[in-house]
């Protein structure tokens, strides 16, 4: 009567389980999870850094800025318009150095019962030779 020995040793008939295979699976699942998060953020329109946050109301904006510097002191005059569905808006304007895209100033305006907004805000100087750039970074609609 033959006797059989059963062992878990690597006898060439089956390969041992490699820990590298488990690492590959974990990395693959991590990449898949990241892709899912990015897809959901893209589909829902979730704002990221530097992305304007806009309410669901319809509106149209325009903004213009002028800079005045004396030595290390600077001021920016902001003038803008907004028209749309809401009776009031909160408009945030950022002032950037055009060459470096560094933020040098900004202001939030509460616009009620009018279509214009504006004011003067301090700005970090010196301003680069390319001048400044103004952006509306956030618009919130009131009731």
N, C-alpha and C. Protein backbone atom coordinates (compact mmCIF):
# COMPACT_ATOMS: atom_id res chain seq x y z
N UNK A 1 0.83 -1.16 0.00
CA UNK A 1 0.00 0.00 0.00
C UNK A 1 0.89 1.23 0.00
N UNK A 2 0.68 2.11 -0.96
CA UNK A 2 1.56 3.28 -1.03
C UNK A 2 1.22 4.31 0.05
N UNK A 3 2.24 5.01 0.46
CA UNK A 3 2.08 6.07 1.46
C UNK A 3 2.39 7.40 0.78
N UNK A 4 1.52 8.35 0.99
CA UNK A 4 1.70 9.67 0.38
C UNK A 4 2.02 10.69 1.45
N UNK A 5 2.97 11.55 1.12
CA UNK A 5 3.30 12.64 2.04
C UNK A 5 2.78 13.94 1.44
N UNK A 6 2.08 14.65 2.24
CA UNK A 6 1.56 15.94 1.80
C UNK A 6 2.33 17.04 2.52
N UNK A 7 2.93 17.92 1.72
CA UNK A 7 3.67 19.02 2.33
C UNK A 7 3.29 20.31 1.65
N UNK A 8 3.56 21.42 2.32
CA UNK A 8 3.31 22.74 1.75
C UNK A 8 4.61 23.33 1.21
N UNK A 9 5.62 22.52 1.11
CA UNK A 9 6.91 23.00 0.62
C UNK A 9 6.84 23.27 -0.87
N UNK A 10 7.73 24.10 -1.33
CA UNK A 10 7.80 24.41 -2.76
C UNK A 10 8.50 23.26 -3.46
N UNK A 11 7.73 22.35 -3.97
CA UNK A 11 8.30 21.19 -4.64
C UNK A 11 8.27 21.30 -6.15
N UNK A 12 7.94 22.49 -6.66
CA UNK A 12 7.96 22.69 -8.10
C UNK A 12 6.61 22.48 -8.76
N UNK A 13 5.66 21.89 -8.07
CA UNK A 13 4.36 21.66 -8.67
C UNK A 13 3.42 22.86 -8.53
N UNK A 14 3.67 23.72 -7.58
CA UNK A 14 2.90 24.95 -7.45
C UNK A 14 3.85 26.04 -6.96
N UNK A 15 3.54 27.24 -7.34
CA UNK A 15 4.42 28.35 -6.94
C UNK A 15 3.95 28.90 -5.59
N UNK A 16 4.89 29.36 -4.80
CA UNK A 16 4.51 29.95 -3.52
C UNK A 16 3.81 31.29 -3.74
N UNK A 17 2.96 31.70 -2.81
CA UNK A 17 2.27 32.99 -2.93
C UNK A 17 3.28 34.10 -2.71
N UNK A 18 3.26 35.01 -3.64
CA UNK A 18 4.21 36.11 -3.58
C UNK A 18 3.56 37.31 -2.89
N UNK A 19 4.25 37.95 -1.94
CA UNK A 19 3.70 39.16 -1.32
C UNK A 19 3.62 40.30 -2.33
N UNK A 20 4.39 40.23 -3.38
CA UNK A 20 4.37 41.28 -4.42
C UNK A 20 3.01 41.35 -5.09
N UNK A 21 2.34 40.25 -5.26
CA UNK A 21 1.01 40.21 -5.87
C UNK A 21 0.00 40.99 -5.01
N UNK A 22 0.09 40.86 -3.72
CA UNK A 22 -0.80 41.57 -2.81
C UNK A 22 -0.53 43.08 -2.90
N UNK A 23 0.71 43.48 -3.00
CA UNK A 23 1.06 44.91 -3.14
C UNK A 23 0.49 45.46 -4.44
N UNK A 24 0.57 44.72 -5.51
CA UNK A 24 0.02 45.16 -6.79
C UNK A 24 -1.49 45.37 -6.69
N UNK A 25 -2.18 44.49 -6.00
CA UNK A 25 -3.63 44.61 -5.86
C UNK A 25 -3.98 45.85 -5.04
N UNK A 26 -3.26 46.09 -3.96
CA UNK A 26 -3.52 47.27 -3.11
C UNK A 26 -3.26 48.56 -3.89
N UNK A 27 -2.19 48.61 -4.64
CA UNK A 27 -1.89 49.80 -5.45
C UNK A 27 -2.97 50.01 -6.50
N UNK A 28 -3.39 48.94 -7.15
CA UNK A 28 -4.45 49.04 -8.16
C UNK A 28 -5.76 49.55 -7.58
N UNK A 29 -6.13 49.08 -6.41
CA UNK A 29 -7.35 49.55 -5.76
C UNK A 29 -7.23 51.02 -5.34
N UNK A 30 -6.04 51.43 -4.90
CA UNK A 30 -5.82 52.84 -4.54
C UNK A 30 -5.97 53.76 -5.74
N UNK A 31 -5.40 53.36 -6.87
CA UNK A 31 -5.51 54.16 -8.09
C UNK A 31 -6.96 54.23 -8.54
N UNK A 32 -7.66 53.13 -8.46
CA UNK A 32 -9.07 53.10 -8.85
C UNK A 32 -9.90 54.02 -7.95
N UNK A 33 -9.64 54.03 -6.66
CA UNK A 33 -10.36 54.91 -5.74
C UNK A 33 -10.11 56.38 -6.07
N UNK A 34 -8.85 56.73 -6.36
CA UNK A 34 -8.53 58.12 -6.73
C UNK A 34 -9.26 58.53 -8.00
N UNK A 35 -9.29 57.67 -8.99
CA UNK A 35 -9.99 57.98 -10.23
C UNK A 35 -11.48 58.18 -9.99
N UNK A 36 -12.05 57.40 -9.10
CA UNK A 36 -13.47 57.56 -8.78
C UNK A 36 -13.73 58.91 -8.11
N UNK A 37 -12.86 59.31 -7.20
CA UNK A 37 -13.02 60.61 -6.53
C UNK A 37 -12.94 61.74 -7.55
N UNK A 38 -11.97 61.71 -8.44
CA UNK A 38 -11.84 62.75 -9.45
C UNK A 38 -13.05 62.77 -10.39
N UNK A 39 -13.56 61.60 -10.75
CA UNK A 39 -14.72 61.54 -11.63
C UNK A 39 -15.95 62.15 -10.96
N UNK A 40 -16.16 61.86 -9.69
CA UNK A 40 -17.30 62.42 -8.98
C UNK A 40 -17.17 63.93 -8.85
N UNK A 41 -15.96 64.43 -8.52
CA UNK A 41 -15.74 65.88 -8.42
C UNK A 41 -15.98 66.56 -9.76
N UNK A 42 -15.55 65.95 -10.84
CA UNK A 42 -15.75 66.53 -12.16
C UNK A 42 -17.22 66.58 -12.53
N UNK A 43 -17.93 65.49 -12.26
CA UNK A 43 -19.33 65.41 -12.65
C UNK A 43 -20.23 66.31 -11.80
N UNK A 44 -19.85 66.54 -10.54
CA UNK A 44 -20.67 67.39 -9.67
C UNK A 44 -20.24 68.84 -9.74
N UNK A 45 -19.15 69.13 -10.43
CA UNK A 45 -18.69 70.51 -10.56
C UNK A 45 -18.14 71.07 -9.27
N UNK A 46 -17.58 70.21 -8.42
CA UNK A 46 -17.02 70.67 -7.16
C UNK A 46 -15.85 71.61 -7.44
N UNK A 47 -15.82 72.78 -6.82
CA UNK A 47 -14.76 73.74 -7.09
C UNK A 47 -13.43 73.33 -6.48
N UNK A 48 -12.38 73.63 -7.19
CA UNK A 48 -11.05 73.44 -6.68
C UNK A 48 -10.40 74.77 -6.44
N UNK A 49 -9.10 74.75 -6.17
CA UNK A 49 -8.38 75.98 -5.93
C UNK A 49 -8.33 76.82 -7.18
N UNK A 50 -8.74 78.07 -7.09
CA UNK A 50 -8.70 78.95 -8.23
C UNK A 50 -9.90 78.84 -9.15
N UNK A 51 -10.79 77.96 -8.88
CA UNK A 51 -11.98 77.80 -9.70
C UNK A 51 -13.07 78.71 -9.16
N UNK A 52 -13.66 79.55 -9.99
CA UNK A 52 -14.74 80.41 -9.49
C UNK A 52 -15.90 79.59 -8.94
N UNK A 53 -16.43 80.04 -7.83
CA UNK A 53 -17.59 79.40 -7.23
C UNK A 53 -18.80 80.22 -7.63
N UNK A 54 -19.69 79.63 -8.39
CA UNK A 54 -20.81 80.37 -8.96
C UNK A 54 -22.12 79.75 -8.52
N UNK A 55 -23.09 80.59 -8.19
CA UNK A 55 -24.41 80.11 -7.81
C UNK A 55 -25.19 79.73 -9.06
N UNK A 56 -26.36 79.15 -8.85
CA UNK A 56 -27.17 78.64 -9.95
C UNK A 56 -27.90 79.73 -10.72
N UNK A 57 -27.89 80.98 -10.23
CA UNK A 57 -28.59 82.04 -10.93
C UNK A 57 -27.80 82.47 -12.16
N UNK A 58 -28.50 83.09 -13.09
CA UNK A 58 -27.89 83.55 -14.32
C UNK A 58 -27.48 85.01 -14.15
N UNK A 59 -26.27 85.34 -14.57
CA UNK A 59 -25.79 86.71 -14.47
C UNK A 59 -24.65 86.94 -15.47
N UNK A 60 -24.30 88.20 -15.66
CA UNK A 60 -23.21 88.60 -16.54
C UNK A 60 -22.39 89.65 -15.80
N UNK A 61 -21.06 89.51 -15.83
CA UNK A 61 -20.20 90.44 -15.10
C UNK A 61 -19.12 91.02 -16.00
N UNK A 62 -18.59 92.14 -15.53
CA UNK A 62 -17.46 92.79 -16.17
C UNK A 62 -16.70 93.52 -15.08
N UNK A 63 -15.37 93.47 -15.11
CA UNK A 63 -14.57 94.17 -14.10
C UNK A 63 -13.35 94.79 -14.77
N UNK A 64 -12.97 95.98 -14.26
CA UNK A 64 -11.80 96.69 -14.77
C UNK A 64 -11.04 97.24 -13.57
N UNK A 65 -9.71 97.22 -13.64
CA UNK A 65 -8.89 97.70 -12.52
C UNK A 65 -7.79 98.63 -13.03
N UNK A 66 -7.47 99.61 -12.20
CA UNK A 66 -6.36 100.53 -12.47
C UNK A 66 -5.48 100.54 -11.23
N UNK A 67 -4.16 100.50 -11.42
CA UNK A 67 -3.24 100.49 -10.29
C UNK A 67 -2.47 101.80 -10.22
N UNK A 68 -2.18 102.23 -9.00
CA UNK A 68 -1.37 103.42 -8.76
C UNK A 68 -0.38 103.08 -7.65
N UNK A 69 0.92 103.18 -7.94
CA UNK A 69 1.93 102.87 -6.93
C UNK A 69 2.83 104.07 -6.71
N UNK A 70 3.20 104.24 -5.45
CA UNK A 70 4.18 105.25 -5.05
C UNK A 70 5.14 104.55 -4.10
N UNK A 71 6.34 104.28 -4.58
CA UNK A 71 7.32 103.56 -3.76
C UNK A 71 6.83 102.14 -3.48
N UNK A 72 6.75 101.81 -2.20
CA UNK A 72 6.32 100.46 -1.82
C UNK A 72 4.83 100.39 -1.51
N UNK A 73 4.11 101.50 -1.70
CA UNK A 73 2.67 101.53 -1.45
C UNK A 73 1.91 101.51 -2.77
N UNK A 74 0.82 100.78 -2.80
CA UNK A 74 0.02 100.72 -4.02
C UNK A 74 -1.46 100.67 -3.69
N UNK A 75 -2.26 101.21 -4.61
CA UNK A 75 -3.72 101.11 -4.51
C UNK A 75 -4.26 100.68 -5.86
N UNK A 76 -5.36 99.96 -5.80
CA UNK A 76 -6.02 99.50 -7.01
C UNK A 76 -7.46 100.00 -6.97
N UNK A 77 -7.88 100.66 -8.04
CA UNK A 77 -9.26 101.10 -8.19
C UNK A 77 -9.99 100.05 -9.02
N UNK A 78 -11.07 99.51 -8.45
CA UNK A 78 -11.85 98.45 -9.10
C UNK A 78 -13.20 99.01 -9.49
N UNK A 79 -13.60 98.80 -10.73
CA UNK A 79 -14.92 99.18 -11.23
C UNK A 79 -15.51 98.00 -11.98
N UNK A 80 -16.76 97.67 -11.69
CA UNK A 80 -17.38 96.55 -12.37
C UNK A 80 -18.88 96.68 -12.46
N UNK A 81 -19.44 95.78 -13.26
CA UNK A 81 -20.89 95.71 -13.41
C UNK A 81 -21.33 94.26 -13.31
N UNK A 82 -22.56 94.08 -12.85
CA UNK A 82 -23.16 92.75 -12.81
C UNK A 82 -24.65 92.90 -13.08
N UNK A 83 -25.15 92.09 -13.99
CA UNK A 83 -26.59 92.06 -14.29
C UNK A 83 -27.04 90.61 -14.26
N UNK A 84 -28.27 90.39 -13.81
CA UNK A 84 -28.77 89.03 -13.78
C UNK A 84 -30.11 88.91 -13.10
N UNK A 85 -30.43 87.69 -12.70
CA UNK A 85 -31.73 87.33 -12.15
C UNK A 85 -31.96 87.80 -10.72
N UNK A 86 -30.91 87.87 -9.91
CA UNK A 86 -31.07 88.16 -8.49
C UNK A 86 -31.14 89.66 -8.22
N UNK A 87 -31.70 90.00 -7.05
CA UNK A 87 -31.79 91.42 -6.67
C UNK A 87 -30.54 91.90 -5.98
N UNK A 88 -29.70 90.99 -5.49
CA UNK A 88 -28.44 91.39 -4.86
C UNK A 88 -27.39 90.30 -5.10
N UNK A 89 -26.13 90.75 -5.06
CA UNK A 89 -25.01 89.85 -5.28
C UNK A 89 -23.88 90.18 -4.32
N UNK A 90 -23.05 89.19 -4.05
CA UNK A 90 -21.78 89.37 -3.37
C UNK A 90 -20.71 88.99 -4.38
N UNK A 91 -19.86 89.96 -4.75
CA UNK A 91 -18.86 89.74 -5.79
C UNK A 91 -17.47 89.89 -5.20
N UNK A 92 -16.63 88.86 -5.33
CA UNK A 92 -15.26 88.90 -4.84
C UNK A 92 -14.32 89.06 -6.03
N UNK A 93 -13.48 90.10 -5.96
CA UNK A 93 -12.53 90.40 -7.03
C UNK A 93 -11.12 90.23 -6.47
N UNK A 94 -10.27 89.49 -7.19
CA UNK A 94 -8.86 89.35 -6.84
C UNK A 94 -8.02 90.14 -7.82
N UNK A 95 -6.97 90.76 -7.31
CA UNK A 95 -6.02 91.51 -8.14
C UNK A 95 -4.71 90.73 -8.14
N UNK A 96 -4.22 90.42 -9.34
CA UNK A 96 -3.01 89.62 -9.50
C UNK A 96 -1.95 90.41 -10.25
N UNK A 97 -0.69 90.14 -9.93
CA UNK A 97 0.41 90.64 -10.74
C UNK A 97 0.38 89.84 -12.05
N UNK A 98 0.30 90.53 -13.19
CA UNK A 98 0.10 89.85 -14.47
C UNK A 98 1.24 88.90 -14.82
N UNK A 99 2.47 89.26 -14.47
CA UNK A 99 3.61 88.42 -14.85
C UNK A 99 3.72 87.18 -13.96
N UNK A 100 3.66 87.36 -12.65
CA UNK A 100 3.88 86.25 -11.73
C UNK A 100 2.60 85.54 -11.30
N UNK A 101 1.44 86.13 -11.58
CA UNK A 101 0.14 85.61 -11.16
C UNK A 101 0.03 85.51 -9.63
N UNK A 102 0.82 86.31 -8.91
CA UNK A 102 0.73 86.38 -7.46
C UNK A 102 -0.39 87.32 -7.05
N UNK A 103 -1.14 86.96 -6.02
CA UNK A 103 -2.22 87.81 -5.51
C UNK A 103 -1.61 89.00 -4.81
N UNK A 104 -2.00 90.21 -5.23
CA UNK A 104 -1.49 91.43 -4.60
C UNK A 104 -2.59 92.22 -3.91
N UNK A 105 -3.83 91.81 -4.07
CA UNK A 105 -4.93 92.51 -3.42
C UNK A 105 -6.26 91.88 -3.79
N UNK A 106 -7.30 92.40 -3.17
CA UNK A 106 -8.63 91.90 -3.47
C UNK A 106 -9.67 92.53 -2.57
N UNK A 107 -10.94 92.38 -2.96
CA UNK A 107 -12.02 92.96 -2.19
C UNK A 107 -13.33 92.25 -2.55
N UNK A 108 -14.24 92.20 -1.57
CA UNK A 108 -15.58 91.66 -1.80
C UNK A 108 -16.58 92.80 -1.74
N UNK A 109 -17.45 92.86 -2.74
CA UNK A 109 -18.45 93.92 -2.85
C UNK A 109 -19.84 93.35 -2.65
N UNK A 110 -20.67 94.05 -1.90
CA UNK A 110 -22.08 93.71 -1.75
C UNK A 110 -22.85 94.61 -2.71
N UNK A 111 -23.47 94.04 -3.72
CA UNK A 111 -24.17 94.79 -4.77
C UNK A 111 -25.67 94.61 -4.56
N UNK A 112 -26.37 95.71 -4.22
CA UNK A 112 -27.82 95.66 -3.98
C UNK A 112 -28.49 96.82 -4.71
N UNK A 113 -29.60 96.52 -5.36
CA UNK A 113 -30.42 97.54 -6.03
C UNK A 113 -29.65 98.36 -7.05
N UNK A 114 -28.57 97.82 -7.61
CA UNK A 114 -27.79 98.50 -8.64
C UNK A 114 -27.08 97.44 -9.47
N UNK A 115 -26.47 97.84 -10.55
CA UNK A 115 -25.71 96.90 -11.37
C UNK A 115 -24.22 97.18 -11.33
N UNK A 116 -23.81 98.24 -10.61
CA UNK A 116 -22.39 98.60 -10.58
C UNK A 116 -21.79 98.37 -9.19
N UNK A 117 -20.52 98.13 -9.17
CA UNK A 117 -19.78 98.04 -7.91
C UNK A 117 -18.39 98.59 -8.14
N UNK A 118 -17.73 99.00 -7.08
CA UNK A 118 -16.38 99.52 -7.23
C UNK A 118 -15.84 100.05 -5.92
N UNK A 119 -14.56 100.31 -5.94
CA UNK A 119 -13.89 100.84 -4.76
C UNK A 119 -12.39 100.80 -4.94
N UNK A 120 -11.70 101.21 -3.89
CA UNK A 120 -10.25 101.23 -3.89
C UNK A 120 -9.76 100.31 -2.79
N UNK A 121 -8.75 99.52 -3.11
CA UNK A 121 -8.19 98.58 -2.16
C UNK A 121 -6.67 98.68 -2.17
N UNK A 122 -6.02 98.48 -1.03
CA UNK A 122 -4.56 98.50 -1.01
C UNK A 122 -4.00 97.31 -1.80
N UNK A 123 -2.82 97.50 -2.35
CA UNK A 123 -2.17 96.43 -3.11
C UNK A 123 -0.70 96.37 -2.73
N UNK A 124 -0.16 95.16 -2.73
CA UNK A 124 1.26 95.00 -2.44
C UNK A 124 2.06 95.50 -3.62
N UNK A 125 3.07 96.30 -3.35
CA UNK A 125 3.95 96.80 -4.40
C UNK A 125 5.32 96.18 -4.18
N UNK A 126 6.21 96.17 -5.11
CA UNK A 126 6.11 96.76 -6.44
C UNK A 126 5.34 95.86 -7.39
N UNK A 127 4.76 96.49 -8.39
CA UNK A 127 4.02 95.80 -9.43
C UNK A 127 4.98 95.52 -10.58
N UNK A 128 4.89 94.34 -11.15
CA UNK A 128 5.77 93.97 -12.25
C UNK A 128 5.50 94.79 -13.50
N UNK A 129 6.41 94.74 -14.48
CA UNK A 129 6.26 95.54 -15.69
C UNK A 129 5.07 95.14 -16.56
N UNK A 130 4.53 93.96 -16.36
CA UNK A 130 3.37 93.53 -17.15
C UNK A 130 2.07 94.09 -16.60
N UNK A 131 2.11 94.73 -15.44
CA UNK A 131 0.90 95.34 -14.88
C UNK A 131 0.12 94.38 -14.01
N UNK A 132 -1.19 94.61 -13.92
CA UNK A 132 -2.05 93.81 -13.07
C UNK A 132 -3.14 93.14 -13.88
N UNK A 133 -3.80 92.20 -13.23
CA UNK A 133 -4.92 91.49 -13.83
C UNK A 133 -5.99 91.36 -12.75
N UNK A 134 -7.23 91.63 -13.09
CA UNK A 134 -8.35 91.48 -12.14
C UNK A 134 -9.22 90.31 -12.55
N UNK A 135 -9.65 89.54 -11.54
CA UNK A 135 -10.51 88.40 -11.79
C UNK A 135 -11.65 88.39 -10.78
N UNK A 136 -12.83 88.06 -11.24
CA UNK A 136 -13.93 87.80 -10.34
C UNK A 136 -13.81 86.32 -9.95
N UNK A 137 -13.57 86.08 -8.65
CA UNK A 137 -13.33 84.70 -8.20
C UNK A 137 -14.54 84.07 -7.53
N UNK A 138 -15.51 84.88 -7.11
CA UNK A 138 -16.68 84.31 -6.46
C UNK A 138 -17.87 85.25 -6.63
N UNK A 139 -19.01 84.68 -6.96
CA UNK A 139 -20.25 85.45 -7.06
C UNK A 139 -21.31 84.69 -6.28
N UNK A 140 -21.93 85.39 -5.33
CA UNK A 140 -23.02 84.78 -4.57
C UNK A 140 -24.27 85.62 -4.79
N UNK A 141 -25.37 84.98 -5.08
CA UNK A 141 -26.62 85.69 -5.33
C UNK A 141 -27.44 85.78 -4.07
N UNK A 142 -28.05 86.94 -3.85
CA UNK A 142 -28.95 87.13 -2.72
C UNK A 142 -30.37 86.79 -3.10
N UNK A 143 -31.30 87.17 -2.24
CA UNK A 143 -32.71 86.86 -2.48
C UNK A 143 -33.31 87.76 -3.49
